[in-house]
Amino acid sequence: MNTTKTAQEIKDFLVQLAVNDKLPSDLTQLPVEGIEQVLNESIKQFRIDNEENERIERASIFLCEGELSIKEQLALIDAQAEIDDTMTLDNVHEEVIVWEKVEYSFSVRSFLEEIDRYLS
């Protein structure tokens, strides 16, 4: 989670309250809804980023870095899943490099099921 960005967004929220003359002089009366919204958005983005990192980490067990990063290869695989998820993983694109020990053992669907299995 990017705490600096979150802190800046909370600060911006408070500044906007002050500019609009809605910042209470008694800060115990400060409405928490805006801060709560900023925090919830930050947590949501953290979860999205974390899930993407977990997918990349799991995919890296089966894919090898080459001209394309694991993240870029995974994007090609995800795009292929939208077209035809029965295709053999090795045939998705010439730059998708499957680890030799598992070559031709995954379809796009079975690969994505495997790497997404433990995601929330």
PDB file of N, CA and C in Angstrom:
ATOM      1  N   MET A   1       0.857  -1.162   0.000  1.00  0.00           N
ATOM      2  CA  MET A   1       0.000   0.000   0.000  1.00  0.00           C
ATOM      3  C   MET A   1       0.906   1.229   0.000  1.00  0.00           C
ATOM      4  N   ASN A   2       0.563   2.190  -0.808  1.00  0.00           N
ATOM      5  CA  ASN A   2       1.338   3.413  -0.893  1.00  0.00           C
ATOM      6  C   ASN A   2       0.833   4.389   0.168  1.00  0.00           C
ATOM      7  N   THR A   3       1.469   4.364   1.327  1.00  0.00           N
ATOM      8  CA  THR A   3       0.992   5.189   2.441  1.00  0.00           C
ATOM      9  C   THR A   3       1.194   6.675   2.185  1.00  0.00           C
ATOM     10  N   THR A   4       2.245   7.026   1.444  1.00  0.00           N
ATOM     11  CA  THR A   4       2.474   8.436   1.132  1.00  0.00           C
ATOM     12  C   THR A   4       1.331   8.985   0.288  1.00  0.00           C
ATOM     13  N   LYS A   5       0.924   8.216  -0.708  1.00  0.00           N
ATOM     14  CA  LYS A   5      -0.183   8.642  -1.568  1.00  0.00           C
ATOM     15  C   LYS A   5      -1.480   8.743  -0.754  1.00  0.00           C
ATOM     16  N   THR A   6      -1.723   7.762   0.093  1.00  0.00           N
ATOM     17  CA  THR A   6      -2.925   7.772   0.928  1.00  0.00           C
ATOM     18  C   THR A   6      -2.925   8.969   1.865  1.00  0.00           C
ATOM     19  N   ALA A   7      -1.785   9.239   2.487  1.00  0.00           N
ATOM     20  CA  ALA A   7      -1.682  10.385   3.388  1.00  0.00           C
ATOM     21  C   ALA A   7      -1.936  11.688   2.628  1.00  0.00           C
ATOM     22  N   GLN A   8      -1.398  11.780   1.415  1.00  0.00           N
ATOM     23  CA  GLN A   8      -1.610  12.981   0.599  1.00  0.00           C
ATOM     24  C   GLN A   8      -3.089  13.152   0.263  1.00  0.00           C
ATOM     25  N   GLU A   9      -3.774  12.045  -0.052  1.00  0.00           N
ATOM     26  CA  GLU A   9      -5.200  12.120  -0.366  1.00  0.00           C
ATOM     27  C   GLU A   9      -6.018  12.547   0.850  1.00  0.00           C
ATOM     28  N   ILE A  10      -5.630  12.083   2.026  1.00  0.00           N
ATOM     29  CA  ILE A  10      -6.319  12.516   3.261  1.00  0.00           C
ATOM     30  C   ILE A  10      -6.060  14.000   3.498  1.00  0.00           C
ATOM     31  N   LYS A  11      -4.816  14.409   3.305  1.00  0.00           N
ATOM     32  CA  LYS A  11      -4.483  15.828   3.453  1.00  0.00           C
ATOM     33  C   LYS A  11      -5.312  16.664   2.478  1.00  0.00           C
ATOM     34  N   ASP A  12      -5.387  16.222   1.213  1.00  0.00           N
ATOM     35  CA  ASP A  12      -6.171  16.944   0.206  1.00  0.00           C
ATOM     36  C   ASP A  12      -7.635  17.051   0.623  1.00  0.00           C
ATOM     37  N   PHE A  13      -8.155  15.976   1.200  1.00  0.00           N
ATOM     38  CA  PHE A  13      -9.543  15.983   1.684  1.00  0.00           C
ATOM     39  C   PHE A  13      -9.725  17.043   2.776  1.00  0.00           C
ATOM     40  N   LEU A  14      -8.788  17.087   3.712  1.00  0.00           N
ATOM     41  CA  LEU A  14      -8.869  18.058   4.806  1.00  0.00           C
ATOM     42  C   LEU A  14      -8.709  19.488   4.292  1.00  0.00           C
ATOM     43  N   VAL A  15      -7.796  19.680   3.346  1.00  0.00           N
ATOM     44  CA  VAL A  15      -7.614  21.010   2.764  1.00  0.00           C
ATOM     45  C   VAL A  15      -8.892  21.449   2.058  1.00  0.00           C
ATOM     46  N   GLN A  16      -9.515  20.522   1.330  1.00  0.00           N
ATOM     47  CA  GLN A  16     -10.760  20.858   0.632  1.00  0.00           C
ATOM     48  C   GLN A  16     -11.862  21.246   1.630  1.00  0.00           C
ATOM     49  N   LEU A  17     -11.925  20.553   2.752  1.00  0.00           N
ATOM     50  CA  LEU A  17     -12.880  20.944   3.789  1.00  0.00           C
ATOM     51  C   LEU A  17     -12.597  22.366   4.274  1.00  0.00           C
ATOM     52  N   ALA A  18     -11.317  22.682   4.478  1.00  0.00           N
ATOM     53  CA  ALA A  18     -10.944  24.009   4.955  1.00  0.00           C
ATOM     54  C   ALA A  18     -11.280  25.073   3.905  1.00  0.00           C
ATOM     55  N   VAL A  19     -10.977  24.784   2.654  1.00  0.00           N
ATOM     56  CA  VAL A  19     -11.268  25.728   1.569  1.00  0.00           C
ATOM     57  C   VAL A  19     -12.763  25.992   1.474  1.00  0.00           C
ATOM     58  N   ASN A  20     -13.553  24.959   1.644  1.00  0.00           N
ATOM     59  CA  ASN A  20     -15.011  25.089   1.563  1.00  0.00           C
ATOM     60  C   ASN A  20     -15.622  25.562   2.885  1.00  0.00           C
ATOM     61  N   ASP A  21     -14.756  25.921   3.822  1.00  0.00           N
ATOM     62  CA  ASP A  21     -15.187  26.388   5.138  1.00  0.00           C
ATOM     63  C   ASP A  21     -16.071  25.356   5.855  1.00  0.00           C
ATOM     64  N   LYS A  22     -15.700  24.069   5.694  1.00  0.00           N
ATOM     65  CA  LYS A  22     -16.459  22.992   6.339  1.00  0.00           C
ATOM     66  C   LYS A  22     -15.615  22.218   7.343  1.00  0.00           C
ATOM     67  N   LEU A  23     -14.401  22.697   7.570  1.00  0.00           N
ATOM     68  CA  LEU A  23     -13.538  22.048   8.553  1.00  0.00           C
ATOM     69  C   LEU A  23     -13.946  22.555   9.928  1.00  0.00           C
ATOM     70  N   PRO A  24     -14.444  21.675  10.797  1.00  0.00           N
ATOM     71  CA  PRO A  24     -14.914  22.130  12.113  1.00  0.00           C
ATOM     72  C   PRO A  24     -13.750  22.602  12.983  1.00  0.00           C
ATOM     73  N   SER A  25     -14.003  23.609  13.776  1.00  0.00           N
ATOM     74  CA  SER A  25     -12.961  24.099  14.692  1.00  0.00           C
ATOM     75  C   SER A  25     -12.686  23.050  15.770  1.00  0.00           C
ATOM     76  N   ASP A  26     -13.696  22.289  16.120  1.00  0.00           N
ATOM     77  CA  ASP A  26     -13.538  21.169  17.047  1.00  0.00           C
ATOM     78  C   ASP A  26     -13.323  19.914  16.200  1.00  0.00           C
ATOM     79  N   LEU A  27     -12.069  19.476  16.093  1.00  0.00           N
ATOM     80  CA  LEU A  27     -11.744  18.355  15.208  1.00  0.00           C
ATOM     81  C   LEU A  27     -12.375  17.037  15.634  1.00  0.00           C
ATOM     82  N   THR A  28     -12.891  16.980  16.851  1.00  0.00           N
ATOM     83  CA  THR A  28     -13.608  15.761  17.242  1.00  0.00           C
ATOM     84  C   THR A  28     -14.917  15.650  16.467  1.00  0.00           C
ATOM     85  N   GLN A  29     -15.342  16.737  15.841  1.00  0.00           N
ATOM     86  CA  GLN A  29     -16.561  16.741  15.027  1.00  0.00           C
ATOM     87  C   GLN A  29     -16.266  16.508  13.546  1.00  0.00           C
ATOM     88  N   LEU A  30     -15.010  16.236  13.239  1.00  0.00           N
ATOM     89  CA  LEU A  30     -14.596  16.015  11.857  1.00  0.00           C
ATOM     90  C   LEU A  30     -15.317  14.800  11.275  1.00  0.00           C
ATOM     91  N   PRO A  31     -15.970  14.965  10.122  1.00  0.00           N
ATOM     92  CA  PRO A  31     -16.645  13.815   9.511  1.00  0.00           C
ATOM     93  C   PRO A  31     -15.611  12.797   9.017  1.00  0.00           C
ATOM     94  N   VAL A  32     -15.791  11.559   9.372  1.00  0.00           N
ATOM     95  CA  VAL A  32     -14.825  10.525   9.009  1.00  0.00           C
ATOM     96  C   VAL A  32     -15.140   9.863   7.663  1.00  0.00           C
ATOM     97  N   GLU A  33     -16.300  10.150   7.106  1.00  0.00           N
ATOM     98  CA  GLU A  33     -16.703   9.480   5.871  1.00  0.00           C
ATOM     99  C   GLU A  33     -15.710   9.708   4.732  1.00  0.00           C
ATOM    100  N   GLY A  34     -15.240  10.938   4.560  1.00  0.00           N
ATOM    101  CA  GLY A  34     -14.292  11.229   3.478  1.00  0.00           C
ATOM    102  C   GLY A  34     -12.969  10.524   3.675  1.00  0.00           C
ATOM    103  N   ILE A  35     -12.485  10.528   4.904  1.00  0.00           N
ATOM    104  CA  ILE A  35     -11.231   9.830   5.208  1.00  0.00           C
ATOM    105  C   ILE A  35     -11.417   8.332   5.013  1.00  0.00           C
ATOM    106  N   GLU A  36     -12.547   7.846   5.459  1.00  0.00           N
ATOM    107  CA  GLU A  36     -12.862   6.426   5.303  1.00  0.00           C
ATOM    108  C   GLU A  36     -12.884   6.037   3.820  1.00  0.00           C
ATOM    109  N   GLN A  37     -13.444   6.894   2.993  1.00  0.00           N
ATOM    110  CA  GLN A  37     -13.499   6.625   1.554  1.00  0.00           C
ATOM    111  C   GLN A  37     -12.090   6.565   0.962  1.00  0.00           C
ATOM    112  N   VAL A  38     -11.239   7.510   1.343  1.00  0.00           N
ATOM    113  CA  VAL A  38      -9.855   7.509   0.862  1.00  0.00           C
ATOM    114  C   VAL A  38      -9.154   6.219   1.277  1.00  0.00           C
ATOM    115  N   LEU A  39      -9.317   5.834   2.539  1.00  0.00           N
ATOM    116  CA  LEU A  39      -8.681   4.609   3.032  1.00  0.00           C
ATOM    117  C   LEU A  39      -9.218   3.369   2.329  1.00  0.00           C
ATOM    118  N   ASN A  40     -10.526   3.297   2.122  1.00  0.00           N
ATOM    119  CA  ASN A  40     -11.111   2.145   1.438  1.00  0.00           C
ATOM    120  C   ASN A  40     -10.607   2.023   0.012  1.00  0.00           C
ATOM    121  N   GLU A  41     -10.485   3.151  -0.684  1.00  0.00           N
ATOM    122  CA  GLU A  41      -9.948   3.127  -2.054  1.00  0.00           C
ATOM    123  C   GLU A  41      -8.496   2.661  -2.054  1.00  0.00           C
ATOM    124  N   SER A  42      -7.742   3.124  -1.077  1.00  0.00           N
ATOM    125  CA  SER A  42      -6.343   2.725  -0.973  1.00  0.00           C
ATOM    126  C   SER A  42      -6.220   1.224  -0.698  1.00  0.00           C
ATOM    127  N   ILE A  43      -7.047   0.722   0.189  1.00  0.00           N
ATOM    128  CA  ILE A  43      -7.042  -0.715   0.504  1.00  0.00           C
ATOM    129  C   ILE A  43      -7.458  -1.527  -0.720  1.00  0.00           C
ATOM    130  N   LYS A  44      -8.474  -1.063  -1.418  1.00  0.00           N
ATOM    131  CA  LYS A  44      -8.945  -1.747  -2.628  1.00  0.00           C
ATOM    132  C   LYS A  44      -7.819  -1.830  -3.663  1.00  0.00           C
ATOM    133  N   GLN A  45      -7.114  -0.714  -3.887  1.00  0.00           N
ATOM    134  CA  GLN A  45      -6.014  -0.709  -4.854  1.00  0.00           C
ATOM    135  C   GLN A  45      -4.887  -1.622  -4.391  1.00  0.00           C
ATOM    136  N   PHE A  46      -4.616  -1.638  -3.091  1.00  0.00           N
ATOM    137  CA  PHE A  46      -3.586  -2.525  -2.549  1.00  0.00           C
ATOM    138  C   PHE A  46      -3.929  -3.980  -2.845  1.00  0.00           C
ATOM    139  N   ARG A  47      -5.184  -4.345  -2.651  1.00  0.00           N
ATOM    140  CA  ARG A  47      -5.606  -5.723  -2.902  1.00  0.00           C
ATOM    141  C   ARG A  47      -5.475  -6.084  -4.376  1.00  0.00           C
ATOM    142  N   ILE A  48      -5.843  -5.168  -5.241  1.00  0.00           N
ATOM    143  CA  ILE A  48      -5.713  -5.405  -6.694  1.00  0.00           C
ATOM    144  C   ILE A  48      -4.248  -5.601  -7.058  1.00  0.00           C
ATOM    145  N   ASP A  49      -3.391  -4.695  -6.570  1.00  0.00           N
ATOM    146  CA  ASP A  49      -1.956  -4.795  -6.858  1.00  0.00           C
ATOM    147  C   ASP A  49      -1.365  -6.073  -6.291  1.00  0.00           C
ATOM    148  N   ASN A  50      -1.777  -6.424  -5.074  1.00  0.00           N
ATOM    149  CA  ASN A  50      -1.266  -7.620  -4.428  1.00  0.00           C
ATOM    150  C   ASN A  50      -1.675  -8.877  -5.199  1.00  0.00           C
ATOM    151  N   GLU A  51      -2.933  -8.913  -5.654  1.00  0.00           N
ATOM    152  CA  GLU A  51      -3.404 -10.059  -6.424  1.00  0.00           C
ATOM    153  C   GLU A  51      -2.635 -10.184  -7.734  1.00  0.00           C
ATOM    154  N   GLU A  52      -2.391  -9.066  -8.389  1.00  0.00           N
ATOM    155  CA  GLU A  52      -1.625  -9.103  -9.641  1.00  0.00           C
ATOM    156  C   GLU A  52      -0.207  -9.615  -9.381  1.00  0.00           C
ATOM    157  N   ASN A  53       0.413  -9.149  -8.307  1.00  0.00           N
ATOM    158  CA  ASN A  53       1.763  -9.612  -7.968  1.00  0.00           C
ATOM    159  C   ASN A  53       1.782 -11.100  -7.648  1.00  0.00           C
ATOM    160  N   GLU A  54       0.744 -11.581  -6.962  1.00  0.00           N
ATOM    161  CA  GLU A  54       0.652 -13.016  -6.659  1.00  0.00           C
ATOM    162  C   GLU A  54       0.508 -13.835  -7.948  1.00  0.00           C
ATOM    163  N   ARG A  55      -0.314 -13.357  -8.878  1.00  0.00           N
ATOM    164  CA  ARG A  55      -0.485 -14.056 -10.165  1.00  0.00           C
ATOM    165  C   ARG A  55       0.846 -14.124 -10.906  1.00  0.00           C
ATOM    166  N   ILE A  56       1.567 -13.010 -10.931  1.00  0.00           N
ATOM    167  CA  ILE A  56       2.856 -12.974 -11.627  1.00  0.00           C
ATOM    168  C   ILE A  56       3.837 -13.933 -10.958  1.00  0.00           C
ATOM    169  N   GLU A  57       3.860 -13.936  -9.638  1.00  0.00           N
ATOM    170  CA  GLU A  57       4.746 -14.831  -8.897  1.00  0.00           C
ATOM    171  C   GLU A  57       4.426 -16.302  -9.200  1.00  0.00           C
ATOM    172  N   ARG A  58       3.150 -16.641  -9.188  1.00  0.00           N
ATOM    173  CA  ARG A  58       2.747 -18.027  -9.479  1.00  0.00           C
ATOM    174  C   ARG A  58       3.042 -18.386 -10.939  1.00  0.00           C
ATOM    175  N   ALA A  59       2.804 -17.447 -11.845  1.00  0.00           N
ATOM    176  CA  ALA A  59       3.083 -17.703 -13.269  1.00  0.00           C
ATOM    177  C   ALA A  59       4.573 -17.910 -13.499  1.00  0.00           C
ATOM    178  N   SER A  60       5.402 -17.238 -12.717  1.00  0.00           N
ATOM    179  CA  SER A  60       6.852 -17.342 -12.913  1.00  0.00           C
ATOM    180  C   SER A  60       7.377 -18.735 -12.583  1.00  0.00           C
ATOM    181  N   ILE A  61       6.577 -19.551 -11.922  1.00  0.00           N
ATOM    182  CA  ILE A  61       6.959 -20.943 -11.666  1.00  0.00           C
ATOM    183  C   ILE A  61       6.977 -21.728 -12.983  1.00  0.00           C
ATOM    184  N   PHE A  62       6.101 -21.343 -13.910  1.00  0.00           N
ATOM    185  CA  PHE A  62       5.910 -22.094 -15.142  1.00  0.00           C
ATOM    186  C   PHE A  62       6.438 -21.394 -16.393  1.00  0.00           C
ATOM    187  N   LEU A  63       6.658 -20.088 -16.307  1.00  0.00           N
ATOM    188  CA  LEU A  63       7.119 -19.311 -17.453  1.00  0.00           C
ATOM    189  C   LEU A  63       8.539 -18.819 -17.226  1.00  0.00           C
ATOM    190  N   CYS A  64       9.232 -18.545 -18.324  1.00  0.00           N
ATOM    191  CA  CYS A  64      10.601 -18.040 -18.252  1.00  0.00           C
ATOM    192  C   CYS A  64      10.651 -16.633 -18.834  1.00  0.00           C
ATOM    193  N   GLU A  65      11.435 -15.776 -18.215  1.00  0.00           N
ATOM    194  CA  GLU A  65      11.649 -14.431 -18.756  1.00  0.00           C
ATOM    195  C   GLU A  65      12.378 -14.560 -20.084  1.00  0.00           C
ATOM    196  N   GLY A  66      12.024 -13.726 -21.003  1.00  0.00           N
ATOM    197  CA  GLY A  66      12.691 -13.666 -22.303  1.00  0.00           C
ATOM    198  C   GLY A  66      12.598 -12.238 -22.791  1.00  0.00           C
ATOM    199  N   GLU A  67      12.199 -12.088 -24.040  1.00  0.00           N
ATOM    200  CA  GLU A  67      11.969 -10.750 -24.583  1.00  0.00           C
ATOM    201  C   GLU A  67      10.870 -10.038 -23.800  1.00  0.00           C
ATOM    202  N   LEU A  68       9.906 -10.812 -23.310  1.00  0.00           N
ATOM    203  CA  LEU A  68       8.794 -10.259 -22.535  1.00  0.00           C
ATOM    204  C   LEU A  68       8.930 -10.663 -21.074  1.00  0.00           C
ATOM    205  N   SER A  69       8.531  -9.767 -20.200  1.00  0.00           N
ATOM    206  CA  SER A  69       8.504 -10.086 -18.773  1.00  0.00           C
ATOM    207  C   SER A  69       7.387 -11.096 -18.506  1.00  0.00           C
ATOM    208  N   ILE A  70       7.391 -11.678 -17.346  1.00  0.00           N
ATOM    209  CA  ILE A  70       6.322 -12.599 -16.951  1.00  0.00           C
ATOM    210  C   ILE A  70       4.981 -11.857 -16.985  1.00  0.00           C
ATOM    211  N   LYS A  71       4.964 -10.617 -16.520  1.00  0.00           N
ATOM    212  CA  LYS A  71       3.741  -9.822 -16.533  1.00  0.00           C
ATOM    213  C   LYS A  71       3.219  -9.638 -17.957  1.00  0.00           C
ATOM    214  N   GLU A  72       4.095  -9.338 -18.884  1.00  0.00           N
ATOM    215  CA  GLU A  72       3.681  -9.159 -20.285  1.00  0.00           C
ATOM    216  C   GLU A  72       3.201 -10.476 -20.900  1.00  0.00           C
ATOM    217  N   GLN A  73       3.884 -11.568 -20.577  1.00  0.00           N
ATOM    218  CA  GLN A  73       3.453 -12.881 -21.068  1.00  0.00           C
ATOM    219  C   GLN A  73       2.072 -13.225 -20.513  1.00  0.00           C
ATOM    220  N   LEU A  74       1.867 -12.936 -19.249  1.00  0.00           N
ATOM    221  CA  LEU A  74       0.583 -13.212 -18.616  1.00  0.00           C
ATOM    222  C   LEU A  74      -0.531 -12.406 -19.269  1.00  0.00           C
ATOM    223  N   ALA A  75      -0.241 -11.186 -19.676  1.00  0.00           N
ATOM    224  CA  ALA A  75      -1.237 -10.363 -20.381  1.00  0.00           C
ATOM    225  C   ALA A  75      -1.625 -11.007 -21.712  1.00  0.00           C
ATOM    226  N   LEU A  76      -0.647 -11.560 -22.423  1.00  0.00           N
ATOM    227  CA  LEU A  76      -0.942 -12.264 -23.682  1.00  0.00           C
ATOM    228  C   LEU A  76      -1.802 -13.506 -23.418  1.00  0.00           C
ATOM    229  N   ILE A  77      -1.494 -14.214 -22.358  1.00  0.00           N
ATOM    230  CA  ILE A  77      -2.245 -15.423 -22.008  1.00  0.00           C
ATOM    231  C   ILE A  77      -3.677 -15.054 -21.626  1.00  0.00           C
ATOM    232  N   ASP A  78      -3.834 -13.996 -20.835  1.00  0.00           N
ATOM    233  CA  ASP A  78      -5.177 -13.537 -20.462  1.00  0.00           C
ATOM    234  C   ASP A  78      -5.972 -13.135 -21.700  1.00  0.00           C
ATOM    235  N   ALA A  79      -5.322 -12.455 -22.638  1.00  0.00           N
ATOM    236  CA  ALA A  79      -6.002 -12.046 -23.874  1.00  0.00           C
ATOM    237  C   ALA A  79      -6.413 -13.269 -24.684  1.00  0.00           C
ATOM    238  N   GLN A  80      -5.557 -14.278 -24.733  1.00  0.00           N
ATOM    239  CA  GLN A  80      -5.889 -15.500 -25.466  1.00  0.00           C
ATOM    240  C   GLN A  80      -7.063 -16.226 -24.818  1.00  0.00           C
ATOM    241  N   ALA A  81      -7.154 -16.156 -23.512  1.00  0.00           N
ATOM    242  CA  ALA A  81      -8.256 -16.813 -22.795  1.00  0.00           C
ATOM    243  C   ALA A  81      -9.596 -16.247 -23.233  1.00  0.00           C
ATOM    244  N   GLU A  82      -9.614 -14.973 -23.595  1.00  0.00           N
ATOM    245  CA  GLU A  82     -10.853 -14.341 -24.069  1.00  0.00           C
ATOM    246  C   GLU A  82     -11.247 -14.853 -25.450  1.00  0.00           C
ATOM    247  N   ILE A  83     -10.270 -15.314 -26.218  1.00  0.00           N
ATOM    248  CA  ILE A  83     -10.519 -15.784 -27.591  1.00  0.00           C
ATOM    249  C   ILE A  83     -10.772 -17.292 -27.613  1.00  0.00           C
ATOM    250  N   ASP A  84      -9.806 -18.043 -27.073  1.00  0.00           N
ATOM    251  CA  ASP A  84      -9.900 -19.508 -27.081  1.00  0.00           C
ATOM    252  C   ASP A  84      -9.020 -20.035 -25.953  1.00  0.00           C
ATOM    253  N   ASP A  85      -9.643 -20.414 -24.853  1.00  0.00           N
ATOM    254  CA  ASP A  85      -8.854 -20.867 -23.701  1.00  0.00           C
ATOM    255  C   ASP A  85      -8.466 -22.336 -23.770  1.00  0.00           C
ATOM    256  N   THR A  86      -8.816 -23.011 -24.863  1.00  0.00           N
ATOM    257  CA  THR A  86      -8.416 -24.413 -25.025  1.00  0.00           C
ATOM    258  C   THR A  86      -7.058 -24.545 -25.719  1.00  0.00           C
ATOM    259  N   MET A  87      -6.537 -23.449 -26.221  1.00  0.00           N
ATOM    260  CA  MET A  87      -5.237 -23.478 -26.916  1.00  0.00           C
ATOM    261  C   MET A  87      -4.141 -23.927 -25.947  1.00  0.00           C
ATOM    262  N   THR A  88      -3.186 -24.652 -26.450  1.00  0.00           N
ATOM    263  CA  THR A  88      -2.033 -25.044 -25.656  1.00  0.00           C
ATOM    264  C   THR A  88      -1.246 -23.793 -25.280  1.00  0.00           C
ATOM    265  N   LEU A  89      -0.854 -23.709 -24.044  1.00  0.00           N
ATOM    266  CA  LEU A  89      -0.157 -22.536 -23.533  1.00  0.00           C
ATOM    267  C   LEU A  89       1.058 -22.186 -24.387  1.00  0.00           C
ATOM    268  N   ASP A  90       1.777 -23.188 -24.826  1.00  0.00           N
ATOM    269  CA  ASP A  90       2.999 -22.983 -25.602  1.00  0.00           C
ATOM    270  C   ASP A  90       2.738 -22.325 -26.954  1.00  0.00           C
ATOM    271  N   ASN A  91       1.505 -22.378 -27.435  1.00  0.00           N
ATOM    272  CA  ASN A  91       1.176 -21.841 -28.758  1.00  0.00           C
ATOM    273  C   ASN A  91       0.509 -20.471 -28.710  1.00  0.00           C
ATOM    274  N   VAL A  92       0.436 -19.874 -27.545  1.00  0.00           N
ATOM    275  CA  VAL A  92      -0.229 -18.571 -27.409  1.00  0.00           C
ATOM    276  C   VAL A  92       0.506 -17.505 -28.212  1.00  0.00           C
ATOM    277  N   HIS A  93       1.809 -17.456 -28.075  1.00  0.00           N
ATOM    278  CA  HIS A  93       2.623 -16.436 -28.745  1.00  0.00           C
ATOM    279  C   HIS A  93       4.061 -16.922 -28.689  1.00  0.00           C
ATOM    280  N   GLU A  94       4.843 -16.571 -29.697  1.00  0.00           N
ATOM    281  CA  GLU A  94       6.234 -17.038 -29.718  1.00  0.00           C
ATOM    282  C   GLU A  94       7.054 -16.505 -28.537  1.00  0.00           C
ATOM    283  N   GLU A  95       6.624 -15.420 -27.930  1.00  0.00           N
ATOM    284  CA  GLU A  95       7.349 -14.847 -26.797  1.00  0.00           C
ATOM    285  C   GLU A  95       6.863 -15.356 -25.437  1.00  0.00           C
ATOM    286  N   VAL A  96       5.846 -16.218 -25.433  1.00  0.00           N
ATOM    287  CA  VAL A  96       5.440 -16.879 -24.183  1.00  0.00           C
ATOM    288  C   VAL A  96       6.329 -18.115 -24.061  1.00  0.00           C
ATOM    289  N   ILE A  97       7.198 -18.076 -23.069  1.00  0.00           N
ATOM    290  CA  ILE A  97       8.202 -19.131 -22.921  1.00  0.00           C
ATOM    291  C   ILE A  97       7.856 -19.982 -21.708  1.00  0.00           C
ATOM    292  N   VAL A  98       7.417 -21.209 -21.994  1.00  0.00           N
ATOM    293  CA  VAL A  98       7.013 -22.146 -20.942  1.00  0.00           C
ATOM    294  C   VAL A  98       8.245 -22.936 -20.501  1.00  0.00           C
ATOM    295  N   TRP A  99       8.374 -23.096 -19.198  1.00  0.00           N
ATOM    296  CA  TRP A  99       9.482 -23.872 -18.633  1.00  0.00           C
ATOM    297  C   TRP A  99       9.492 -25.251 -19.280  1.00  0.00           C
ATOM    298  N   GLU A 100      10.652 -25.702 -19.671  1.00  0.00           N
ATOM    299  CA  GLU A 100      10.808 -26.936 -20.443  1.00  0.00           C
ATOM    300  C   GLU A 100      10.153 -28.156 -19.780  1.00  0.00           C
ATOM    301  N   LYS A 101      10.237 -28.271 -18.469  1.00  0.00           N
ATOM    302  CA  LYS A 101       9.683 -29.445 -17.781  1.00  0.00           C
ATOM    303  C   LYS A 101       8.159 -29.513 -17.834  1.00  0.00           C
ATOM    304  N   VAL A 102       7.500 -28.393 -18.142  1.00  0.00           N
ATOM    305  CA  VAL A 102       6.039 -28.407 -18.219  1.00  0.00           C
ATOM    306  C   VAL A 102       5.524 -28.017 -19.606  1.00  0.00           C
ATOM    307  N   GLU A 103       6.421 -28.056 -20.599  1.00  0.00           N
ATOM    308  CA  GLU A 103       5.997 -27.731 -21.957  1.00  0.00           C
ATOM    309  C   GLU A 103       4.859 -28.650 -22.395  1.00  0.00           C
ATOM    310  N   TYR A 104       3.912 -28.078 -23.082  1.00  0.00           N
ATOM    311  CA  TYR A 104       2.768 -28.784 -23.667  1.00  0.00           C
ATOM    312  C   TYR A 104       1.942 -29.564 -22.643  1.00  0.00           C
ATOM    313  N   SER A 105       1.946 -29.106 -21.411  1.00  0.00           N
ATOM    314  CA  SER A 105       1.132 -29.778 -20.396  1.00  0.00           C
ATOM    315  C   SER A 105      -0.036 -28.921 -19.910  1.00  0.00           C
ATOM    316  N   PHE A 106      -0.137 -27.687 -20.395  1.00  0.00           N
ATOM    317  CA  PHE A 106      -1.229 -26.798 -19.996  1.00  0.00           C
ATOM    318  C   PHE A 106      -1.970 -26.267 -21.207  1.00  0.00           C
ATOM    319  N   SER A 107      -3.282 -26.212 -21.072  1.00  0.00           N
ATOM    320  CA  SER A 107      -4.052 -25.351 -21.970  1.00  0.00           C
ATOM    321  C   SER A 107      -4.050 -23.983 -21.306  1.00  0.00           C
ATOM    322  N   VAL A 108      -4.503 -22.974 -22.029  1.00  0.00           N
ATOM    323  CA  VAL A 108      -4.602 -21.646 -21.426  1.00  0.00           C
ATOM    324  C   VAL A 108      -5.504 -21.712 -20.196  1.00  0.00           C
ATOM    325  N   ARG A 109      -6.636 -22.393 -20.328  1.00  0.00           N
ATOM    326  CA  ARG A 109      -7.588 -22.497 -19.214  1.00  0.00           C
ATOM    327  C   ARG A 109      -6.961 -23.180 -18.001  1.00  0.00           C
ATOM    328  N   SER A 110      -6.312 -24.324 -18.205  1.00  0.00           N
ATOM    329  CA  SER A 110      -5.748 -25.048 -17.062  1.00  0.00           C
ATOM    330  C   SER A 110      -4.602 -24.270 -16.415  1.00  0.00           C
ATOM    331  N   PHE A 111      -3.845 -23.546 -17.222  1.00  0.00           N
ATOM    332  CA  PHE A 111      -2.777 -22.707 -16.670  1.00  0.00           C
ATOM    333  C   PHE A 111      -3.355 -21.602 -15.786  1.00  0.00           C
ATOM    334  N   LEU A 112      -4.358 -20.899 -16.299  1.00  0.00           N
ATOM    335  CA  LEU A 112      -4.961 -19.815 -15.523  1.00  0.00           C
ATOM    336  C   LEU A 112      -5.650 -20.342 -14.271  1.00  0.00           C
ATOM    337  N   GLU A 113      -6.275 -21.496 -14.371  1.00  0.00           N
ATOM    338  CA  GLU A 113      -6.875 -22.102 -13.176  1.00  0.00           C
ATOM    339  C   GLU A 113      -5.804 -22.411 -12.132  1.00  0.00           C
ATOM    340  N   GLU A 114      -4.679 -22.901 -12.596  1.00  0.00           N
ATOM    341  CA  GLU A 114      -3.583 -23.243 -11.685  1.00  0.00           C
ATOM    342  C   GLU A 114      -3.028 -22.007 -10.987  1.00  0.00           C
ATOM    343  N   ILE A 115      -2.768 -20.947 -11.730  1.00  0.00           N
ATOM    344  CA  ILE A 115      -2.161 -19.779 -11.077  1.00  0.00           C
ATOM    345  C   ILE A 115      -3.171 -18.957 -10.288  1.00  0.00           C
ATOM    346  N   ASP A 116      -4.450 -19.077 -10.617  1.00  0.00           N
ATOM    347  CA  ASP A 116      -5.474 -18.309  -9.907  1.00  0.00           C
ATOM    348  C   ASP A 116      -6.121 -19.094  -8.765  1.00  0.00           C
ATOM    349  N   ARG A 117      -5.725 -20.320  -8.599  1.00  0.00           N
ATOM    350  CA  ARG A 117      -6.364 -21.222  -7.641  1.00  0.00           C
ATOM    351  C   ARG A 117      -6.450 -20.665  -6.222  1.00  0.00           C
ATOM    352  N   TYR A 118      -5.402 -20.030  -5.764  1.00  0.00           N
ATOM    353  CA  TYR A 118      -5.360 -19.614  -4.360  1.00  0.00           C
ATOM    354  C   TYR A 118      -5.612 -18.127  -4.155  1.00  0.00           C
ATOM    355  N   LEU A 119      -5.984 -17.440  -5.225  1.00  0.00           N
ATOM    356  CA  LEU A 119      -6.281 -16.006  -5.089  1.00  0.00           C
ATOM    357  C   LEU A 119      -7.641 -15.836  -4.456  1.00  0.00           C
ATOM    358  N   SER A 120      -7.793 -14.750  -3.713  1.00  0.00           N
ATOM    359  CA  SER A 120      -9.064 -14.505  -3.012  1.00  0.00           C
ATOM    360  C   SER A 120     -10.155 -14.052  -3.935  1.00  0.00           C
TER     361      SER A 120
END
